[in-house]
Protein backbone atom coordinates (compact mmCIF):
# COMPACT_ATOMS: atom_id res chain seq x y z
CA UNK A 1 7.22 22.09 12.16
CA UNK A 2 5.79 19.50 9.65
CA UNK A 3 6.20 22.11 6.79
CA UNK A 4 9.75 22.96 7.89
CA UNK A 5 10.75 19.36 7.91
CA UNK A 6 9.60 18.92 4.33
CA UNK A 7 11.67 22.09 3.47
CA UNK A 8 14.85 20.95 5.12
CA UNK A 9 14.46 17.53 3.28
CA UNK A 10 14.05 19.31 -0.05
CA UNK A 11 17.36 20.70 0.74
CA UNK A 12 18.87 17.39 1.71
CA UNK A 13 19.45 18.48 5.22
CA UNK A 14 17.97 15.28 6.59
CA UNK A 15 19.15 15.81 10.23
CA UNK A 16 17.24 19.16 10.50
CA UNK A 17 14.42 17.46 8.72
CA UNK A 18 14.33 14.65 11.30
CA UNK A 19 14.55 16.93 14.24
CA UNK A 20 11.76 19.11 12.89
CA UNK A 21 9.32 15.97 12.52
CA UNK A 22 10.35 14.79 15.77
CA UNK A 23 9.23 17.95 17.22
CA UNK A 24 6.01 17.92 15.18
CA UNK A 25 5.31 14.49 16.62
CA UNK A 26 5.89 15.65 20.08
CA UNK A 27 3.65 18.89 19.77
CA UNK A 28 0.91 16.62 18.39
CA UNK A 29 1.11 14.44 21.26
CA UNK A 30 1.14 17.03 23.92
CA UNK A 31 -1.42 19.71 22.34
CA UNK A 32 -4.67 17.75 22.41
CA UNK A 33 -6.57 15.60 19.90
CA UNK A 34 -4.28 13.85 17.42
CA UNK A 35 -5.08 13.69 13.87
CA UNK A 36 -4.29 10.05 12.92
CA UNK A 37 -3.93 10.89 9.19
CA UNK A 38 -1.29 13.50 9.89
CA UNK A 39 0.52 11.33 12.45
CA UNK A 40 0.77 8.51 9.82
CA UNK A 41 2.18 11.06 7.61
CA UNK A 42 4.91 12.24 10.15
CA UNK A 43 5.77 8.60 10.89
CA UNK A 44 6.11 7.98 7.18
CA UNK A 45 8.61 10.97 6.72
CA UNK A 46 10.40 10.08 9.80
CA UNK A 47 11.06 6.55 8.24
CA UNK A 48 12.25 8.29 5.16
CA UNK A 49 14.80 10.59 6.85
CA UNK A 50 16.04 7.87 8.93
CA UNK A 51 16.63 5.88 5.84
CA UNK A 52 18.59 8.78 4.17
CA UNK A 53 20.71 8.96 7.29
CA UNK A 54 21.26 5.09 7.02
CA UNK A 55 19.42 4.45 10.22
CA UNK A 56 17.60 1.53 8.68
CA UNK A 57 16.43 -0.20 11.99
CA UNK A 58 14.83 3.00 12.94
CA UNK A 59 13.38 3.73 9.53
CA UNK A 60 11.79 0.09 9.67
CA UNK A 61 10.33 0.97 12.98
CA UNK A 62 8.76 4.36 11.67
CA UNK A 63 7.38 2.78 8.65
CA UNK A 64 5.87 -0.04 10.77
CA UNK A 65 4.28 2.58 13.01
CA UNK A 66 2.79 4.44 9.94
CA UNK A 67 1.51 1.05 8.66
CA UNK A 68 -0.21 0.48 12.04
CA UNK A 69 -1.93 3.57 11.68
CA UNK A 70 -3.11 3.33 8.26
CA UNK A 71 -4.26 -0.35 9.13
CA UNK A 72 -6.76 1.49 11.52
CA UNK A 73 -8.00 3.82 8.64
CA UNK A 74 -8.30 1.14 5.94
CA UNK A 75 -12.09 1.44 5.19
CA UNK A 76 -14.10 4.41 4.54
CA UNK A 77 -16.13 3.77 7.55
CA UNK A 78 -12.99 3.81 9.75
CA UNK A 79 -12.02 7.17 8.29
CA UNK A 80 -15.36 8.60 8.68
CA UNK A 81 -15.39 7.52 12.24
CA UNK A 82 -11.94 9.04 12.81
CA UNK A 83 -12.84 12.36 11.33
CA UNK A 84 -16.20 12.29 13.42
CA UNK A 85 -14.23 11.66 16.66
CA UNK A 86 -11.86 14.42 16.11
CA UNK A 87 -14.80 16.82 15.36
CA UNK A 88 -16.42 15.96 18.67
CA UNK A 89 -13.14 16.42 20.48
CA UNK A 90 -12.75 19.99 19.01
CA UNK A 91 -16.26 20.72 20.00
CA UNK A 92 -15.52 19.84 23.53
CA UNK A 93 -12.44 22.08 23.55
CA UNK A 94 -14.55 24.86 21.93
CA UNK A 95 -12.57 24.97 18.78
CA UNK A 96 -15.40 25.18 16.45
CA UNK A 97 -13.57 25.96 13.29
CA UNK A 98 -11.57 22.76 13.41
CA UNK A 99 -14.63 20.99 14.38
CA UNK A 100 -16.49 22.07 11.39
CA UNK A 101 -13.61 21.22 9.25
CA UNK A 102 -13.56 17.58 10.60
CA UNK A 103 -17.10 17.31 10.29
CA UNK A 104 -16.92 18.22 6.69
CA UNK A 105 -14.28 15.54 6.30
CA UNK A 106 -16.15 13.02 7.95
CA UNK A 107 -19.17 13.61 5.71
CA UNK A 108 -17.33 13.30 2.44
CA UNK A 109 -14.39 11.25 3.48
CA UNK A 110 -12.28 13.35 1.26
CA UNK A 111 -8.95 11.54 1.70
CA UNK A 112 -10.13 8.12 0.76
CA UNK A 113 -7.87 7.74 -2.28
CA UNK A 114 -4.87 9.51 -0.70
CA UNK A 115 -4.95 7.03 2.30
CA UNK A 116 -4.95 4.12 -0.18
CA UNK A 117 -1.75 5.58 -1.90
CA UNK A 118 -0.15 6.51 1.36
CA UNK A 119 -0.51 2.85 2.65
CA UNK A 120 1.29 1.60 -0.90
CA UNK A 121 4.07 4.11 -0.54
CA UNK A 122 4.83 3.33 3.08
CA UNK A 123 5.27 -0.44 2.20
CA UNK A 124 7.41 0.65 -0.65
CA UNK A 125 9.80 2.68 1.47
CA UNK A 126 9.76 -0.12 4.21
CA UNK A 127 10.79 -2.69 1.76
CA UNK A 128 13.78 -0.51 0.72
CA UNK A 129 14.77 -0.30 4.23
CA UNK A 130 14.43 -4.04 4.72
CA UNK A 131 16.56 -4.94 1.89
CA UNK A 132 19.62 -2.71 3.22
CA UNK A 133 19.52 -5.27 6.20
CA UNK A 134 19.49 -8.97 7.07
CA UNK A 135 18.61 -10.68 3.68
CA UNK A 136 17.08 -13.88 5.11
CA UNK A 137 15.12 -11.73 7.53
CA UNK A 138 13.84 -9.25 4.72
CA UNK A 139 12.80 -12.16 2.49
CA UNK A 140 10.79 -13.90 5.58
CA UNK A 141 9.13 -10.48 6.34
CA UNK A 142 8.24 -9.79 2.83
CA UNK A 143 6.72 -13.34 2.27
CA UNK A 144 4.77 -13.12 5.50
CA UNK A 145 3.41 -9.59 4.69
CA UNK A 146 1.96 -10.98 1.37
CA UNK A 147 -0.38 -13.15 3.71
CA UNK A 148 -1.42 -10.16 5.93
CA UNK A 149 -5.18 -9.71 5.59
CA UNK A 150 -5.00 -6.12 5.24
CA UNK A 151 -2.44 -6.30 2.47
CA UNK A 152 -4.64 -8.77 0.64
CA UNK A 153 -7.29 -6.26 0.63
CA UNK A 154 -5.19 -3.44 -0.71
CA UNK A 155 -3.96 -4.02 -4.27
CA UNK A 156 -1.48 -1.23 -4.26
CA UNK A 157 0.16 -2.26 -0.83
CA UNK A 158 0.33 -5.98 -2.35
CA UNK A 159 2.00 -4.65 -5.39
CA UNK A 160 4.50 -2.52 -3.30
CA UNK A 161 5.49 -5.64 -1.30
CA UNK A 162 5.72 -7.85 -4.31
CA UNK A 163 8.02 -5.30 -5.99
CA UNK A 164 10.22 -5.21 -2.97
CA UNK A 165 10.19 -9.12 -3.18
CA UNK A 166 11.36 -9.08 -6.76
CA UNK A 167 14.30 -6.80 -5.86
CA UNK A 168 15.05 -9.30 -3.14
CA UNK A 169 15.07 -12.33 -5.54
CA UNK A 170 17.32 -10.22 -7.85
CA UNK A 171 19.74 -9.92 -5.05
CA UNK A 172 19.53 -13.78 -4.64
CA UNK A 173 20.33 -14.11 -8.42
CA UNK A 174 17.04 -15.91 -8.76
CA UNK A 175 16.33 -13.99 -11.84
CA UNK A 176 13.25 -15.78 -13.32
CA UNK A 177 11.34 -15.48 -9.90
CA UNK A 178 12.43 -11.85 -9.83
CA UNK A 179 11.05 -11.19 -13.35
CA UNK A 180 7.67 -13.05 -12.37
CA UNK A 181 7.27 -10.94 -9.29
CA UNK A 182 8.17 -7.52 -10.83
CA UNK A 183 5.59 -8.20 -13.61
CA UNK A 184 3.06 -9.11 -11.15
CA UNK A 185 3.86 -5.91 -9.07
CA UNK A 186 3.60 -3.66 -12.22
CA UNK A 187 0.19 -5.40 -13.24
CA UNK A 188 -1.33 -4.74 -9.85
CA UNK A 189 0.14 -1.17 -9.42
CA UNK A 190 -0.80 0.09 -13.06
CA UNK A 191 -4.61 0.12 -12.15
CA UNK A 192 -3.90 2.94 -9.62
CA UNK A 193 -2.32 5.21 -12.25
CA UNK A 194 1.03 6.83 -11.90
CA UNK A 195 2.49 5.98 -8.41
CA UNK A 196 5.82 5.57 -6.74
CA UNK A 197 4.97 1.87 -6.54
CA UNK A 198 4.21 1.46 -10.28
CA UNK A 199 7.48 3.41 -11.25
CA UNK A 200 9.49 1.12 -8.79
CA UNK A 201 8.06 -1.99 -10.40
CA UNK A 202 9.06 -0.86 -13.93
CA UNK A 203 12.65 -0.07 -12.72
CA UNK A 204 12.98 -3.29 -11.04
CA UNK A 205 11.67 -5.10 -14.14
CA UNK A 206 14.29 -3.24 -16.08
CA UNK A 207 17.19 -4.30 -13.81
CA UNK A 208 15.99 -8.01 -13.92
CA UNK A 209 15.90 -7.83 -17.69
CA UNK A 210 19.37 -6.40 -17.87
CA UNK A 211 20.53 -9.12 -15.66
CA UNK A 212 19.03 -11.46 -18.09
CA UNK A 213 20.92 -9.85 -21.02
CA UNK A 214 17.58 -8.55 -22.45
CA UNK A 215 18.63 -5.13 -23.01
CA UNK A 216 16.04 -3.83 -25.32
CA UNK A 217 13.38 -4.90 -22.88
CA UNK A 218 15.34 -3.42 -20.00
CA UNK A 219 15.69 -0.11 -21.96
CA UNK A 220 11.98 0.20 -22.46
CA UNK A 221 11.10 -0.32 -18.89
CA UNK A 222 13.61 2.26 -17.70
CA UNK A 223 12.37 4.64 -20.02
CA UNK A 224 8.81 4.10 -18.93
CA UNK A 225 9.90 4.34 -15.19
CA UNK A 226 11.58 7.63 -15.85
CA UNK A 227 8.83 9.17 -17.76
CA UNK A 228 6.45 8.22 -14.96
CA UNK A 229 9.06 9.81 -12.46
CA UNK A 230 8.82 12.97 -14.36
CA UNK A 231 4.88 12.80 -14.48
CA UNK A 232 5.03 12.48 -10.83
CA UNK A 233 7.31 15.47 -10.27
CA UNK A 234 10.15 13.36 -8.93
CA UNK A 235 12.86 14.15 -11.66
CA UNK A 236 15.64 14.16 -9.05
């Protein structure tokens, strides 16, 4: 169901993609031990599909559920413990193949970097959904999120929220503040290499510079953002 949903999304059939991931979530909840890493991914995609269908309140709800799960997997120790607990549950159910897989994952904590990137991306899409709604509430949410202890410990998540805040200031015509936030977001995001968060900071910076009539600077940041999109395989 998970892969089927991804396939439907690639064909822009977001209604079917949403249905598939909802079925995937239900199967996970009914079939035994739940993989929190997979569940966070499912919530993440549900948020994207709801956003694509203009269900912005539901999208925000799904992104917040995904963030809540990733908050519980923030440190290597938490991820290692999650894998260990899953392995023990599969041993109890005599599914030794899966038990062995999760034991290996517990030992090597193989998804440490991917969890870090996932959190940043979730905040990116959450910010986009918020900016489609009440602007005063969106600004307050983003400002408060920057004070969250979990966010303060995750530079990519902080960059993602700062980029969304730059976009919010741009909507309010506060161009100098928007430019400052966009620059901060990119400086924080670039340390993680090519990411959705870094490309969004570049494109936001370009939009701000266009609004300030600094077209050459805007062009350079748009070009850099588009090149990053190509390197990420997100040409569309």
